[in-house]
Amino acid sequence: MTARPSVVDPVLRPVRPVAVPRATGRPVRHLVLLGDSTAVGLGDPLPGGGWRGFGPLLRDALDDPAHPGSVRLDNHARTGARMADARHGQVPAAAASGPDVVVLCAGMNDTLRSDFDPAAIRRDCAESLELLLRAGATVLLLRFHDHARVWPLPGPLQRALAARIAALNGAVDGAVADAVATTGRSAVGILDLDTVGSYDPAAWSVDRLHPSELGHRLLARGFAALLGAAGFAVPGEIGLTAAGGREVTAWQRGAWLVVQGVPWLVRRSRDLGPVMVRGLVEGARARTMSA
């Protein structure tokens, strides 16, 4: 899969993440995270418990060295959140707080449900963007990569998920176009996960759904590059060397697979079962017609 161009202002086009700090530019004083477990930080555990993730890493890179602690970070994200959850449960409070930058990571959970609805995702995403843009924020979003290249799922489930991710990315692109047309503001940046090392196995935690510490560092660096390209000051460098997190051992990975991984896969397979069956039937019909 190749990176696709953004549908928004070229200043905020998808860019390859770089580690070069940008000391000059508009300062970020208030950073807000919205969305699901990726924004919560799952996959990047802290030694004392809890999660770090790309948010604190990005905040530290945006911090003014002359005034440590100058960037306020608010995280409204919740594990399991879908695009509608972000729109109705997170975005209003975020918009009311007057943020400079908002990172919205949502949509992946929608692809894993039987009621997946790209039109509803587009509507909820567009409404979220409109509220945040009217509040004066610059908003950063994700376009998702080909999970089949990193996630070892059965073939029918991989194909069903790939089709849904393509539809999700189309919904996000459409939502951006809708919001820009409605508000007249193009302060939206899209980080395409095809460009940030997403196919490196080390970038993923054991579930292959949440980023590892390296994956979160890649996300933080990608978002920082977008903000630097948009004229914001990014004084700090986001390195890719593990630091400050908790090492995940082989025993812990194995325990996760037994306690959480297999039961989760069974639940999702049941939820997506009708989609898989329909895909198999349609594929067999297409092969029969072409024979």
Protein backbone atom coordinates (compact mmCIF):
# COMPACT_ATOMS: atom_id res chain seq x y z
CA MET A 1 0.00 0.00 0.00
CA THR A 2 1.36 3.43 -0.91
CA ALA A 3 0.80 6.70 0.90
CA ARG A 4 -2.08 8.74 -0.46
CA PRO A 5 -2.04 12.53 -0.62
CA SER A 6 -4.06 14.49 1.87
CA VAL A 7 -7.26 16.17 0.76
CA VAL A 8 -6.49 19.25 2.84
CA ASP A 9 -4.13 22.21 2.79
CA PRO A 10 -0.71 21.20 1.42
CA VAL A 11 0.98 22.74 4.45
CA LEU A 12 -0.50 19.87 6.45
CA ARG A 13 0.02 17.10 3.89
CA PRO A 14 1.17 13.70 5.16
CA VAL A 15 4.93 13.83 5.68
CA ARG A 16 7.56 11.28 6.54
CA PRO A 17 8.45 11.70 10.23
CA VAL A 18 11.83 13.21 10.91
CA ALA A 19 13.73 13.69 14.15
CA VAL A 20 14.93 17.23 13.43
CA PRO A 21 13.66 19.69 16.07
CA ARG A 22 12.08 22.95 14.95
CA ALA A 23 12.82 25.57 17.59
CA THR A 24 10.95 28.44 15.94
CA GLY A 25 7.27 28.82 15.16
CA ARG A 26 3.98 29.10 16.98
CA PRO A 27 4.15 27.54 20.45
CA VAL A 28 1.69 24.85 21.46
CA ARG A 29 0.30 25.56 24.88
CA HIS A 30 -2.61 23.11 25.04
CA LEU A 31 -2.56 19.63 23.50
CA VAL A 32 -5.63 17.35 23.66
CA LEU A 33 -5.92 13.64 22.84
CA LEU A 34 -9.21 12.08 21.76
CA GLY A 35 -10.25 8.65 20.63
CA ASP A 36 -9.56 5.06 21.63
CA SER A 37 -6.94 2.90 23.33
CA THR A 38 -4.14 4.03 21.02
CA ALA A 39 -4.57 7.57 22.32
CA VAL A 40 -4.83 6.18 25.87
CA GLY A 41 -1.36 4.75 25.35
CA LEU A 42 -1.99 1.01 25.41
CA GLY A 43 1.07 -0.95 24.36
CA ASP A 44 3.50 1.44 26.09
CA PRO A 45 3.32 0.49 29.79
CA LEU A 46 4.92 2.51 32.56
CA PRO A 47 7.06 0.92 35.32
CA GLY A 48 4.64 1.94 38.05
CA GLY A 49 1.51 0.91 36.16
CA GLY A 50 -0.67 2.63 33.62
CA TRP A 51 0.23 3.73 30.12
CA ARG A 52 2.29 6.47 28.51
CA GLY A 53 1.86 6.39 24.72
CA PHE A 54 2.54 9.00 22.07
CA GLY A 55 0.77 11.83 23.92
CA PRO A 56 3.35 12.53 26.65
CA LEU A 57 6.17 11.97 24.15
CA LEU A 58 4.67 14.56 21.80
CA ARG A 59 4.01 16.97 24.68
CA ASP A 60 7.62 16.79 25.80
CA ALA A 61 8.84 17.53 22.27
CA LEU A 62 6.54 20.57 22.10
CA ASP A 63 7.62 21.88 25.52
CA ASP A 64 9.53 25.14 25.67
CA PRO A 65 13.03 24.41 27.09
CA ALA A 66 13.10 27.85 28.66
CA HIS A 67 9.78 27.22 30.43
CA PRO A 68 9.50 23.51 31.32
CA GLY A 69 5.93 22.31 31.70
CA SER A 70 4.61 24.95 29.33
CA VAL A 71 2.40 22.49 27.41
CA ARG A 72 -0.83 21.33 29.03
CA LEU A 73 -1.87 17.82 28.02
CA ASP A 74 -5.48 16.63 28.40
CA ASN A 75 -6.42 13.09 27.42
CA HIS A 76 -10.13 12.38 26.98
CA ALA A 77 -9.57 9.09 25.11
CA ARG A 78 -11.12 5.86 26.36
CA THR A 79 -10.37 2.25 25.52
CA GLY A 80 -12.93 0.75 23.15
CA ALA A 81 -14.16 4.14 21.95
CA ARG A 82 -15.64 4.37 18.47
CA MET A 83 -15.95 7.43 16.26
CA ALA A 84 -19.44 8.19 17.60
CA ASP A 85 -18.14 7.93 21.18
CA ALA A 86 -15.47 10.49 20.40
CA ARG A 87 -17.96 12.81 18.69
CA HIS A 88 -20.53 12.79 21.50
CA GLY A 89 -18.51 11.93 24.60
CA GLN A 90 -15.15 13.62 24.07
CA VAL A 91 -15.19 16.33 21.40
CA PRO A 92 -17.58 18.84 23.04
CA ALA A 93 -15.48 19.16 26.20
CA ALA A 94 -12.28 19.30 24.19
CA ALA A 95 -13.59 22.06 21.92
CA ALA A 96 -14.82 24.06 24.91
CA SER A 97 -11.35 23.97 26.50
CA GLY A 98 -9.77 25.98 23.66
CA PRO A 99 -6.92 23.67 22.61
CA ASP A 100 -4.16 24.62 20.19
CA VAL A 101 -3.76 21.07 18.86
CA VAL A 102 -6.07 18.04 19.00
CA VAL A 103 -5.07 14.51 18.02
CA LEU A 104 -8.07 12.31 17.18
CA CYS A 105 -7.38 8.56 16.91
CA ALA A 106 -10.63 6.73 16.29
CA GLY A 107 -12.29 4.40 13.83
CA MET A 108 -10.39 1.14 14.25
CA ASN A 109 -12.86 -0.16 16.81
CA ASP A 110 -15.66 0.53 14.34
CA THR A 111 -14.07 -1.83 11.82
CA LEU A 112 -14.24 -4.66 14.36
CA ARG A 113 -18.00 -4.50 14.89
CA SER A 114 -20.84 -6.09 12.94
CA ASP A 115 -22.66 -2.74 12.61
CA PHE A 116 -19.77 -1.06 10.79
CA ASP A 117 -21.16 1.99 8.96
CA PRO A 118 -18.74 4.14 6.91
CA ALA A 119 -21.40 6.79 6.27
CA ALA A 120 -22.01 7.24 10.00
CA ILE A 121 -18.27 7.35 10.65
CA ARG A 122 -17.87 10.08 8.03
CA ARG A 123 -20.70 12.09 9.58
CA ASP A 124 -19.41 11.77 13.16
CA CYS A 125 -15.83 12.54 12.12
CA ALA A 126 -16.92 15.58 10.07
CA GLU A 127 -18.99 16.93 12.96
CA SER A 128 -16.05 16.41 15.33
CA LEU A 129 -13.72 18.26 12.99
CA GLU A 130 -16.16 21.11 12.52
CA LEU A 131 -16.50 21.67 16.27
CA LEU A 132 -12.75 21.55 16.82
CA LEU A 133 -11.88 23.74 13.83
CA ARG A 134 -14.45 26.36 14.86
CA ALA A 135 -12.80 26.34 18.30
CA GLY A 136 -9.55 27.37 16.62
CA ALA A 137 -7.72 24.05 16.98
CA THR A 138 -5.38 22.35 14.55
CA VAL A 139 -6.53 18.73 14.31
CA LEU A 140 -4.39 15.69 13.52
CA LEU A 141 -5.90 12.42 12.29
CA LEU A 142 -4.74 8.96 11.21
CA ARG A 143 -5.14 7.01 7.99
CA PHE A 144 -4.73 3.34 8.77
CA HIS A 145 -2.33 0.86 7.22
CA ASP A 146 -2.83 -2.67 5.88
CA HIS A 147 -3.26 -4.66 9.10
CA ALA A 148 -2.99 -7.94 7.22
CA ARG A 149 0.76 -7.31 6.94
CA VAL A 150 1.27 -7.25 10.71
CA TRP A 151 -1.74 -9.03 12.20
CA PRO A 152 -1.77 -12.85 11.88
CA LEU A 153 -5.50 -13.46 11.35
CA PRO A 154 -7.30 -16.12 9.30
CA GLY A 155 -7.44 -15.24 5.60
CA PRO A 156 -11.20 -14.48 5.40
CA LEU A 157 -10.98 -12.26 8.47
CA GLN A 158 -7.92 -10.47 7.05
CA ARG A 159 -9.76 -9.74 3.80
CA ALA A 160 -12.87 -8.54 5.60
CA LEU A 161 -10.78 -6.26 7.81
CA ALA A 162 -8.77 -4.91 4.85
CA ALA A 163 -11.98 -3.92 3.07
CA ARG A 164 -13.24 -2.18 6.16
CA ILE A 165 -10.01 -0.29 6.73
CA ALA A 166 -10.15 0.96 3.14
CA ALA A 167 -13.72 2.13 3.78
CA LEU A 168 -12.66 3.74 7.06
CA ASN A 169 -9.87 5.68 5.36
CA GLY A 170 -12.31 6.81 2.69
CA ALA A 171 -14.71 7.99 5.39
CA VAL A 172 -11.94 9.98 7.12
CA ASP A 173 -10.89 11.58 3.83
CA GLY A 174 -14.49 12.49 3.09
CA ALA A 175 -15.02 13.90 6.58
CA VAL A 176 -11.99 16.16 6.23
CA ALA A 177 -13.25 17.45 2.90
CA ASP A 178 -16.70 18.07 4.41
CA ALA A 179 -15.36 19.92 7.46
CA VAL A 180 -12.95 22.07 5.47
CA ALA A 181 -15.74 23.06 3.06
CA THR A 182 -18.11 23.85 5.94
CA THR A 183 -15.74 25.83 8.17
CA GLY A 184 -13.39 27.37 5.61
CA ARG A 185 -10.46 26.25 7.78
CA SER A 186 -7.94 23.70 6.53
CA ALA A 187 -5.97 23.19 9.75
CA VAL A 188 -6.17 19.42 9.52
CA GLY A 189 -3.20 17.08 9.23
CA ILE A 190 -3.36 13.41 8.32
CA LEU A 191 -0.65 11.00 9.40
CA ASP A 192 -0.69 8.04 7.01
CA LEU A 193 0.48 4.97 8.90
CA ASP A 194 1.95 3.57 5.70
CA THR A 195 4.72 6.17 6.09
CA VAL A 196 5.77 5.70 9.71
CA GLY A 197 7.30 2.24 9.91
CA SER A 198 4.03 0.48 10.65
CA TYR A 199 5.18 -2.77 9.05
CA ASP A 200 8.10 -3.25 11.42
CA PRO A 201 7.03 -6.04 13.83
CA ALA A 202 8.87 -4.24 16.65
CA ALA A 203 6.44 -1.33 16.27
CA TRP A 204 3.59 -3.45 17.62
CA SER A 205 2.70 -4.92 20.97
CA VAL A 206 1.92 -8.61 21.28
CA ASP A 207 -1.70 -8.15 20.13
CA ARG A 208 -0.53 -6.56 16.84
CA LEU A 209 -3.34 -4.04 17.28
CA HIS A 210 -1.78 -1.54 19.69
CA PRO A 211 1.59 0.13 19.09
CA SER A 212 4.54 -0.91 21.21
CA GLU A 213 6.77 1.73 22.79
CA LEU A 214 8.58 2.00 19.45
CA GLY A 215 5.25 2.31 17.67
CA HIS A 216 4.12 5.11 19.97
CA ARG A 217 7.44 6.87 19.45
CA LEU A 218 6.95 6.63 15.69
CA LEU A 219 3.45 8.09 16.05
CA ALA A 220 4.69 10.92 18.24
CA ARG A 221 7.47 11.72 15.79
CA GLY A 222 5.06 11.65 12.87
CA PHE A 223 2.63 14.02 14.58
CA ALA A 224 5.52 16.30 15.54
CA ALA A 225 6.62 16.41 11.89
CA LEU A 226 3.11 17.41 10.82
CA LEU A 227 3.04 20.21 13.39
CA GLY A 228 6.49 21.42 12.41
CA ALA A 229 5.42 21.52 8.76
CA ALA A 230 2.37 23.53 9.81
CA GLY A 231 4.50 26.20 11.48
CA PHE A 232 4.40 25.11 15.10
CA ALA A 233 7.52 25.08 17.25
CA VAL A 234 8.78 21.57 18.04
CA PRO A 235 11.89 22.25 20.17
CA GLY A 236 12.47 18.70 21.36
CA GLU A 237 13.57 15.56 19.57
CA ILE A 238 11.59 12.31 19.78
CA GLY A 239 14.06 9.46 19.72
CA LEU A 240 13.28 5.86 18.83
CA THR A 241 15.38 4.32 21.62
CA ALA A 242 13.37 2.81 24.47
CA ALA A 243 13.45 5.02 27.55
CA GLY A 244 11.18 5.54 30.53
CA GLY A 245 8.79 2.70 29.76
CA ARG A 246 8.48 -0.84 31.13
CA GLU A 247 10.03 -3.80 29.32
CA VAL A 248 7.49 -6.43 28.31
CA THR A 249 8.89 -9.93 28.84
CA ALA A 250 8.26 -13.07 26.77
CA TRP A 251 6.35 -14.56 29.72
CA GLN A 252 4.03 -11.54 29.82
CA ARG A 253 3.42 -11.82 26.08
CA GLY A 254 2.53 -15.49 26.42
CA ALA A 255 0.22 -14.80 29.35
CA TRP A 256 -1.57 -12.12 27.35
CA LEU A 257 -2.21 -14.53 24.47
CA VAL A 258 -3.78 -17.11 26.79
CA VAL A 259 -5.77 -14.80 29.06
CA GLN A 260 -6.83 -12.07 26.63
CA GLY A 261 -5.68 -12.66 23.07
CA VAL A 262 -7.46 -15.91 22.19
CA PRO A 263 -10.79 -14.96 23.87
CA TRP A 264 -10.68 -11.57 22.12
CA LEU A 265 -10.10 -13.22 18.72
CA VAL A 266 -13.06 -15.55 19.32
CA ARG A 267 -15.34 -12.61 20.17
CA ARG A 268 -14.27 -10.62 17.11
CA SER A 269 -14.61 -13.63 14.82
CA ARG A 270 -18.18 -14.07 16.01
CA ASP A 271 -18.92 -10.41 15.45
CA LEU A 272 -17.40 -10.43 11.96
CA GLY A 273 -18.59 -13.92 11.08
CA PRO A 274 -21.41 -12.75 8.79
CA VAL A 275 -18.97 -10.45 6.97
CA MET A 276 -16.52 -13.30 6.45
CA VAL A 277 -19.23 -15.65 5.16
CA ARG A 278 -20.59 -13.03 2.78
CA GLY A 279 -17.09 -12.36 1.46
CA LEU A 280 -16.50 -16.06 0.86
CA VAL A 281 -19.83 -16.44 -0.96
CA GLU A 282 -19.23 -13.37 -3.11
CA GLY A 283 -15.70 -14.54 -3.94
CA ALA A 284 -16.95 -18.00 -4.96
CA ARG A 285 -19.67 -16.43 -7.09
CA ALA A 286 -17.16 -14.17 -8.83
CA ARG A 287 -14.86 -17.10 -9.58
CA THR A 288 -17.77 -19.12 -10.97
CA MET A 289 -18.87 -16.28 -13.26
CA SER A 290 -15.35 -15.76 -14.58
CA ALA A 291 -14.74 -19.49 -15.24
